[in-house]
PDB file of N, CA and C in Angstrom:
ATOM      1  N   MET A   1    -100.913 -19.918 -38.446  1.00  0.00           N
ATOM      2  CA  MET A   1    -101.179 -18.763 -39.264  1.00  0.00           C
ATOM      3  C   MET A   1     -99.892 -18.006 -39.549  1.00  0.00           C
ATOM      4  N   LYS A   2     -99.855 -17.320 -40.656  1.00  0.00           N
ATOM      5  CA  LYS A   2     -98.723 -16.494 -41.036  1.00  0.00           C
ATOM      6  C   LYS A   2     -98.936 -15.069 -40.531  1.00  0.00           C
ATOM      7  N   THR A   3     -97.848 -14.321 -40.419  1.00  0.00           N
ATOM      8  CA  THR A   3     -97.914 -12.922 -39.993  1.00  0.00           C
ATOM      9  C   THR A   3     -97.482 -12.034 -41.155  1.00  0.00           C
ATOM     10  N   PHE A   4     -98.218 -10.932 -41.347  1.00  0.00           N
ATOM     11  CA  PHE A   4     -97.958 -10.011 -42.445  1.00  0.00           C
ATOM     12  C   PHE A   4     -97.863  -8.586 -41.924  1.00  0.00           C
ATOM     13  N   GLU A   5     -97.064  -7.797 -42.598  1.00  0.00           N
ATOM     14  CA  GLU A   5     -96.991  -6.365 -42.351  1.00  0.00           C
ATOM     15  C   GLU A   5     -97.666  -5.697 -43.549  1.00  0.00           C
ATOM     16  N   VAL A   6     -98.727  -4.938 -43.266  1.00  0.00           N
ATOM     17  CA  VAL A   6     -99.507  -4.298 -44.326  1.00  0.00           C
ATOM     18  C   VAL A   6     -99.332  -2.785 -44.201  1.00  0.00           C
ATOM     19  N   PHE A   7     -98.973  -2.144 -45.321  1.00  0.00           N
ATOM     20  CA  PHE A   7     -98.814  -0.691 -45.363  1.00  0.00           C
ATOM     21  C   PHE A   7    -100.077  -0.084 -45.966  1.00  0.00           C
ATOM     22  N   LEU A   8    -100.612   0.923 -45.285  1.00  0.00           N
ATOM     23  CA  LEU A   8    -101.866   1.551 -45.703  1.00  0.00           C
ATOM     24  C   LEU A   8    -101.671   3.037 -45.975  1.00  0.00           C
ATOM     25  N   ASN A   9    -102.398   3.529 -46.951  1.00  0.00           N
ATOM     26  CA  ASN A   9    -102.594   4.967 -47.155  1.00  0.00           C
ATOM     27  C   ASN A   9    -103.996   5.273 -46.670  1.00  0.00           C
ATOM     28  N   LYS A  10    -104.112   6.234 -45.779  1.00  0.00           N
ATOM     29  CA  LYS A  10    -105.430   6.630 -45.286  1.00  0.00           C
ATOM     30  C   LYS A  10    -105.609   8.121 -45.529  1.00  0.00           C
ATOM     31  N   THR A  11    -106.768   8.488 -45.979  1.00  0.00           N
ATOM     32  CA  THR A  11    -107.090   9.890 -46.208  1.00  0.00           C
ATOM     33  C   THR A  11    -108.346  10.231 -45.420  1.00  0.00           C
ATOM     34  N   TYR A  12    -108.288  11.345 -44.721  1.00  0.00           N
ATOM     35  CA  TYR A  12    -109.413  11.810 -43.910  1.00  0.00           C
ATOM     36  C   TYR A  12    -109.778  13.231 -44.295  1.00  0.00           C
ATOM     37  N   ALA A  13    -111.034  13.538 -44.169  1.00  0.00           N
ATOM     38  CA  ALA A  13    -111.473  14.925 -44.251  1.00  0.00           C
ATOM     39  C   ALA A  13    -111.730  15.365 -42.810  1.00  0.00           C
ATOM     40  N   VAL A  14    -111.057  16.415 -42.384  1.00  0.00           N
ATOM     41  CA  VAL A  14    -111.184  16.903 -41.010  1.00  0.00           C
ATOM     42  C   VAL A  14    -111.865  18.263 -41.039  1.00  0.00           C
ATOM     43  N   GLU A  15    -112.975  18.371 -40.358  1.00  0.00           N
ATOM     44  CA  GLU A  15    -113.660  19.656 -40.219  1.00  0.00           C
ATOM     45  C   GLU A  15    -113.222  20.244 -38.890  1.00  0.00           C
ATOM     46  N   ILE A  16    -112.641  21.447 -38.928  1.00  0.00           N
ATOM     47  CA  ILE A  16    -112.034  22.032 -37.730  1.00  0.00           C
ATOM     48  C   ILE A  16    -112.296  23.531 -37.676  1.00  0.00           C
ATOM     49  N   GLU A  17    -112.540  24.029 -36.485  1.00  0.00           N
ATOM     50  CA  GLU A  17    -112.622  25.464 -36.253  1.00  0.00           C
ATOM     51  C   GLU A  17    -111.256  25.918 -35.760  1.00  0.00           C
ATOM     52  N   ALA A  18    -110.729  27.013 -36.298  1.00  0.00           N
ATOM     53  CA  ALA A  18    -109.430  27.539 -35.874  1.00  0.00           C
ATOM     54  C   ALA A  18    -109.353  29.013 -36.226  1.00  0.00           C
ATOM     55  N   GLU A  19    -108.339  29.674 -35.712  1.00  0.00           N
ATOM     56  CA  GLU A  19    -108.151  31.104 -35.945  1.00  0.00           C
ATOM     57  C   GLU A  19    -107.784  31.417 -37.398  1.00  0.00           C
ATOM     58  N   ASN A  20    -107.028  30.509 -38.055  1.00  0.00           N
ATOM     59  CA  ASN A  20    -106.584  30.757 -39.425  1.00  0.00           C
ATOM     60  C   ASN A  20    -106.247  29.427 -40.105  1.00  0.00           C
ATOM     61  N   LYS A  21    -105.913  29.501 -41.418  1.00  0.00           N
ATOM     62  CA  LYS A  21    -105.622  28.292 -42.201  1.00  0.00           C
ATOM     63  C   LYS A  21    -104.424  27.519 -41.661  1.00  0.00           C
ATOM     64  N   ASP A  22    -103.360  28.248 -41.306  1.00  0.00           N
ATOM     65  CA  ASP A  22    -102.157  27.580 -40.805  1.00  0.00           C
ATOM     66  C   ASP A  22    -102.449  26.811 -39.522  1.00  0.00           C
ATOM     67  N   ASP A  23    -103.184  27.435 -38.602  1.00  0.00           N
ATOM     68  CA  ASP A  23    -103.555  26.740 -37.367  1.00  0.00           C
ATOM     69  C   ASP A  23    -104.423  25.525 -37.671  1.00  0.00           C
ATOM     70  N   ALA A  24    -105.379  25.676 -38.562  1.00  0.00           N
ATOM     71  CA  ALA A  24    -106.253  24.559 -38.916  1.00  0.00           C
ATOM     72  C   ALA A  24    -105.435  23.390 -39.448  1.00  0.00           C
ATOM     73  N   LEU A  25    -104.506  23.672 -40.360  1.00  0.00           N
ATOM     74  CA  LEU A  25    -103.656  22.632 -40.933  1.00  0.00           C
ATOM     75  C   LEU A  25    -102.807  21.970 -39.850  1.00  0.00           C
ATOM     76  N   ASN A  26    -102.131  22.769 -39.052  1.00  0.00           N
ATOM     77  CA  ASN A  26    -101.237  22.228 -38.025  1.00  0.00           C
ATOM     78  C   ASN A  26    -101.985  21.428 -36.967  1.00  0.00           C
ATOM     79  N   PHE A  27    -103.101  21.938 -36.483  1.00  0.00           N
ATOM     80  CA  PHE A  27    -103.845  21.237 -35.441  1.00  0.00           C
ATOM     81  C   PHE A  27    -104.494  19.967 -35.981  1.00  0.00           C
ATOM     82  N   ALA A  28    -104.963  19.998 -37.222  1.00  0.00           N
ATOM     83  CA  ALA A  28    -105.553  18.798 -37.825  1.00  0.00           C
ATOM     84  C   ALA A  28    -104.501  17.700 -37.948  1.00  0.00           C
ATOM     85  N   GLU A  29    -103.286  18.061 -38.346  1.00  0.00           N
ATOM     86  CA  GLU A  29    -102.210  17.065 -38.453  1.00  0.00           C
ATOM     87  C   GLU A  29    -101.787  16.544 -37.087  1.00  0.00           C
ATOM     88  N   PHE A  30    -101.605  17.444 -36.136  1.00  0.00           N
ATOM     89  CA  PHE A  30    -101.033  17.071 -34.845  1.00  0.00           C
ATOM     90  C   PHE A  30    -102.024  16.339 -33.934  1.00  0.00           C
ATOM     91  N   TYR A  31    -103.276  16.758 -33.946  1.00  0.00           N
ATOM     92  CA  TYR A  31    -104.233  16.252 -32.967  1.00  0.00           C
ATOM     93  C   TYR A  31    -105.158  15.159 -33.483  1.00  0.00           C
ATOM     94  N   THR A  32    -104.887  14.590 -34.635  1.00  0.00           N
ATOM     95  CA  THR A  32    -105.731  13.494 -35.103  1.00  0.00           C
ATOM     96  C   THR A  32    -104.939  12.200 -35.159  1.00  0.00           C
ATOM     97  N   GLY A  33    -105.624  11.138 -34.822  1.00  0.00           N
ATOM     98  CA  GLY A  33    -105.066   9.799 -34.919  1.00  0.00           C
ATOM     99  C   GLY A  33    -106.014   8.981 -35.763  1.00  0.00           C
ATOM    100  N   ASP A  34    -105.954   7.719 -35.681  1.00  0.00           N
ATOM    101  CA  ASP A  34    -106.755   6.820 -36.503  1.00  0.00           C
ATOM    102  C   ASP A  34    -108.252   7.099 -36.316  1.00  0.00           C
ATOM    103  N   ILE A  35    -108.744   8.081 -37.027  1.00  0.00           N
ATOM    104  CA  ILE A  35    -110.124   8.565 -36.971  1.00  0.00           C
ATOM    105  C   ILE A  35    -110.520   8.951 -35.547  1.00  0.00           C
ATOM    106  N   MET A  36    -109.580   9.582 -34.837  1.00  0.00           N
ATOM    107  CA  MET A  36    -109.855  10.016 -33.464  1.00  0.00           C
ATOM    108  C   MET A  36    -109.319  11.426 -33.258  1.00  0.00           C
ATOM    109  N   ASP A  37    -110.025  12.190 -32.466  1.00  0.00           N
ATOM    110  CA  ASP A  37    -109.549  13.492 -32.007  1.00  0.00           C
ATOM    111  C   ASP A  37    -108.700  13.231 -30.770  1.00  0.00           C
ATOM    112  N   LEU A  38    -107.418  13.499 -30.837  1.00  0.00           N
ATOM    113  CA  LEU A  38    -106.512  13.244 -29.729  1.00  0.00           C
ATOM    114  C   LEU A  38    -106.329  14.459 -28.819  1.00  0.00           C
ATOM    115  N   SER A  39    -106.972  15.564 -29.150  1.00  0.00           N
ATOM    116  CA  SER A  39    -106.809  16.781 -28.360  1.00  0.00           C
ATOM    117  C   SER A  39    -107.645  16.707 -27.090  1.00  0.00           C
ATOM    118  N   THR A  40    -107.179  17.439 -26.078  1.00  0.00           N
ATOM    119  CA  THR A  40    -107.934  17.571 -24.833  1.00  0.00           C
ATOM    120  C   THR A  40    -108.692  18.893 -24.855  1.00  0.00           C
ATOM    121  N   VAL A  41    -109.639  19.026 -23.978  1.00  0.00           N
ATOM    122  CA  VAL A  41    -110.392  20.282 -23.870  1.00  0.00           C
ATOM    123  C   VAL A  41    -109.440  21.419 -23.524  1.00  0.00           C
ATOM    124  N   ALA A  42    -108.474  21.161 -22.654  1.00  0.00           N
ATOM    125  CA  ALA A  42    -107.509  22.199 -22.271  1.00  0.00           C
ATOM    126  C   ALA A  42    -106.683  22.653 -23.480  1.00  0.00           C
ATOM    127  N   GLU A  43    -106.249  21.713 -24.321  1.00  0.00           N
ATOM    128  CA  GLU A  43    -105.483  22.069 -25.523  1.00  0.00           C
ATOM    129  C   GLU A  43    -106.338  22.865 -26.497  1.00  0.00           C
ATOM    130  N   GLN A  44    -107.593  22.496 -26.633  1.00  0.00           N
ATOM    131  CA  GLN A  44    -108.500  23.221 -27.523  1.00  0.00           C
ATOM    132  C   GLN A  44    -108.666  24.662 -27.046  1.00  0.00           C
ATOM    133  N   LYS A  45    -108.834  24.841 -25.746  1.00  0.00           N
ATOM    134  CA  LYS A  45    -108.982  26.194 -25.205  1.00  0.00           C
ATOM    135  C   LYS A  45    -107.690  26.995 -25.346  1.00  0.00           C
ATOM    136  N   GLU A  46    -106.552  26.366 -25.053  1.00  0.00           N
ATOM    137  CA  GLU A  46    -105.257  27.056 -25.124  1.00  0.00           C
ATOM    138  C   GLU A  46    -104.938  27.513 -26.547  1.00  0.00           C
ATOM    139  N   HIS A  47    -105.193  26.652 -27.531  1.00  0.00           N
ATOM    140  CA  HIS A  47    -104.834  26.952 -28.917  1.00  0.00           C
ATOM    141  C   HIS A  47    -106.009  27.486 -29.741  1.00  0.00           C
ATOM    142  N   LYS A  48    -107.178  27.579 -29.133  1.00  0.00           N
ATOM    143  CA  LYS A  48    -108.383  28.125 -29.762  1.00  0.00           C
ATOM    144  C   LYS A  48    -108.760  27.380 -31.042  1.00  0.00           C
ATOM    145  N   PHE A  49    -109.078  26.097 -30.878  1.00  0.00           N
ATOM    146  CA  PHE A  49    -109.548  25.290 -32.008  1.00  0.00           C
ATOM    147  C   PHE A  49    -110.480  24.201 -31.487  1.00  0.00           C
ATOM    148  N   LYS A  50    -111.231  23.603 -32.392  1.00  0.00           N
ATOM    149  CA  LYS A  50    -112.083  22.471 -32.050  1.00  0.00           C
ATOM    150  C   LYS A  50    -112.293  21.623 -33.296  1.00  0.00           C
ATOM    151  N   ILE A  51    -111.956  20.351 -33.196  1.00  0.00           N
ATOM    152  CA  ILE A  51    -112.188  19.422 -34.293  1.00  0.00           C
ATOM    153  C   ILE A  51    -113.642  18.996 -34.226  1.00  0.00           C
ATOM    154  N   ILE A  52    -114.370  19.243 -35.291  1.00  0.00           N
ATOM    155  CA  ILE A  52    -115.800  18.970 -35.334  1.00  0.00           C
ATOM    156  C   ILE A  52    -116.080  17.567 -35.837  1.00  0.00           C
ATOM    157  N   ASN A  53    -115.375  17.155 -36.893  1.00  0.00           N
ATOM    158  CA  ASN A  53    -115.658  15.851 -37.490  1.00  0.00           C
ATOM    159  C   ASN A  53    -114.424  15.339 -38.218  1.00  0.00           C
ATOM    160  N   ILE A  54    -114.232  14.023 -38.202  1.00  0.00           N
ATOM    161  CA  ILE A  54    -113.181  13.362 -38.973  1.00  0.00           C
ATOM    162  C   ILE A  54    -113.860  12.258 -39.771  1.00  0.00           C
ATOM    163  N   ASP A  55    -113.744  12.340 -41.077  1.00  0.00           N
ATOM    164  CA  ASP A  55    -114.421  11.391 -41.963  1.00  0.00           C
ATOM    165  C   ASP A  55    -113.382  10.631 -42.778  1.00  0.00           C
ATOM    166  N   SER A  56    -113.341   9.312 -42.636  1.00  0.00           N
ATOM    167  CA  SER A  56    -112.416   8.492 -43.405  1.00  0.00           C
ATOM    168  C   SER A  56    -112.880   8.451 -44.858  1.00  0.00           C
ATOM    169  N   ARG A  57    -111.991   8.834 -45.786  1.00  0.00           N
ATOM    170  CA  ARG A  57    -112.348   8.881 -47.202  1.00  0.00           C
ATOM    171  C   ARG A  57    -111.695   7.768 -48.005  1.00  0.00           C
ATOM    172  N   ILE A  58    -110.425   7.489 -47.725  1.00  0.00           N
ATOM    173  CA  ILE A  58    -109.704   6.451 -48.465  1.00  0.00           C
ATOM    174  C   ILE A  58    -108.952   5.593 -47.442  1.00  0.00           C
ATOM    175  N   ASN A  59    -109.043   4.290 -47.599  1.00  0.00           N
ATOM    176  CA  ASN A  59    -108.305   3.343 -46.763  1.00  0.00           C
ATOM    177  C   ASN A  59    -107.816   2.257 -47.700  1.00  0.00           C
ATOM    178  N   GLU A  60    -106.573   2.402 -48.173  1.00  0.00           N
ATOM    179  CA  GLU A  60    -106.081   1.548 -49.249  1.00  0.00           C
ATOM    180  C   GLU A  60    -104.727   0.945 -48.889  1.00  0.00           C
ATOM    181  N   ALA A  61    -104.618  -0.381 -48.980  1.00  0.00           N
ATOM    182  CA  ALA A  61    -103.337  -1.055 -48.776  1.00  0.00           C
ATOM    183  C   ALA A  61    -102.508  -0.931 -50.045  1.00  0.00           C
ATOM    184  N   PHE A  62    -101.198  -0.642 -49.888  1.00  0.00           N
ATOM    185  CA  PHE A  62    -100.351  -0.518 -51.067  1.00  0.00           C
ATOM    186  C   PHE A  62     -99.173  -1.483 -51.056  1.00  0.00           C
ATOM    187  N   GLU A  63     -98.962  -2.165 -49.929  1.00  0.00           N
ATOM    188  CA  GLU A  63     -97.880  -3.149 -49.875  1.00  0.00           C
ATOM    189  C   GLU A  63     -98.160  -4.133 -48.749  1.00  0.00           C
ATOM    190  N   VAL A  64     -97.811  -5.393 -48.960  1.00  0.00           N
ATOM    191  CA  VAL A  64     -97.945  -6.398 -47.912  1.00  0.00           C
ATOM    192  C   VAL A  64     -96.730  -7.326 -47.990  1.00  0.00           C
ATOM    193  N   ASN A  65     -96.125  -7.564 -46.819  1.00  0.00           N
ATOM    194  CA  ASN A  65     -94.954  -8.422 -46.739  1.00  0.00           C
ATOM    195  C   ASN A  65     -95.167  -9.463 -45.652  1.00  0.00           C
ATOM    196  N   GLU A  66     -94.824 -10.698 -45.963  1.00  0.00           N
ATOM    197  CA  GLU A  66     -94.888 -11.748 -44.952  1.00  0.00           C
ATOM    198  C   GLU A  66     -93.693 -11.596 -44.022  1.00  0.00           C
ATOM    199  N   ILE A  67     -93.958 -11.679 -42.724  1.00  0.00           N
ATOM    200  CA  ILE A  67     -92.900 -11.574 -41.734  1.00  0.00           C
ATOM    201  C   ILE A  67     -92.449 -12.985 -41.377  1.00  0.00           C
ATOM    202  N   THR A  68     -91.170 -13.224 -41.558  1.00  0.00           N
ATOM    203  CA  THR A  68     -90.617 -14.534 -41.239  1.00  0.00           C
ATOM    204  C   THR A  68     -89.517 -14.349 -40.189  1.00  0.00           C
ATOM    205  N   ASP A  69     -89.361 -15.335 -39.356  1.00  0.00           N
ATOM    206  CA  ASP A  69     -88.337 -15.252 -38.288  1.00  0.00           C
ATOM    207  C   ASP A  69     -86.994 -15.671 -38.789  1.00  0.00           C
TER     208      ASP A  69
END
């Protein structure tokens, strides 16, 4: 089999509770991974936020390259 490197654009809608818009934006960027909430309960309490839902909206490949040795 051949090996390929595939580049993806992924877009998510994140529903989050936070003190303000800036916190919501920053925490959504920092604490989300591949459709996962990466925050701990302690971090949520410390920074006063909670990620409620992460919904994958777009998952699109835009480039693929064959990897050769």
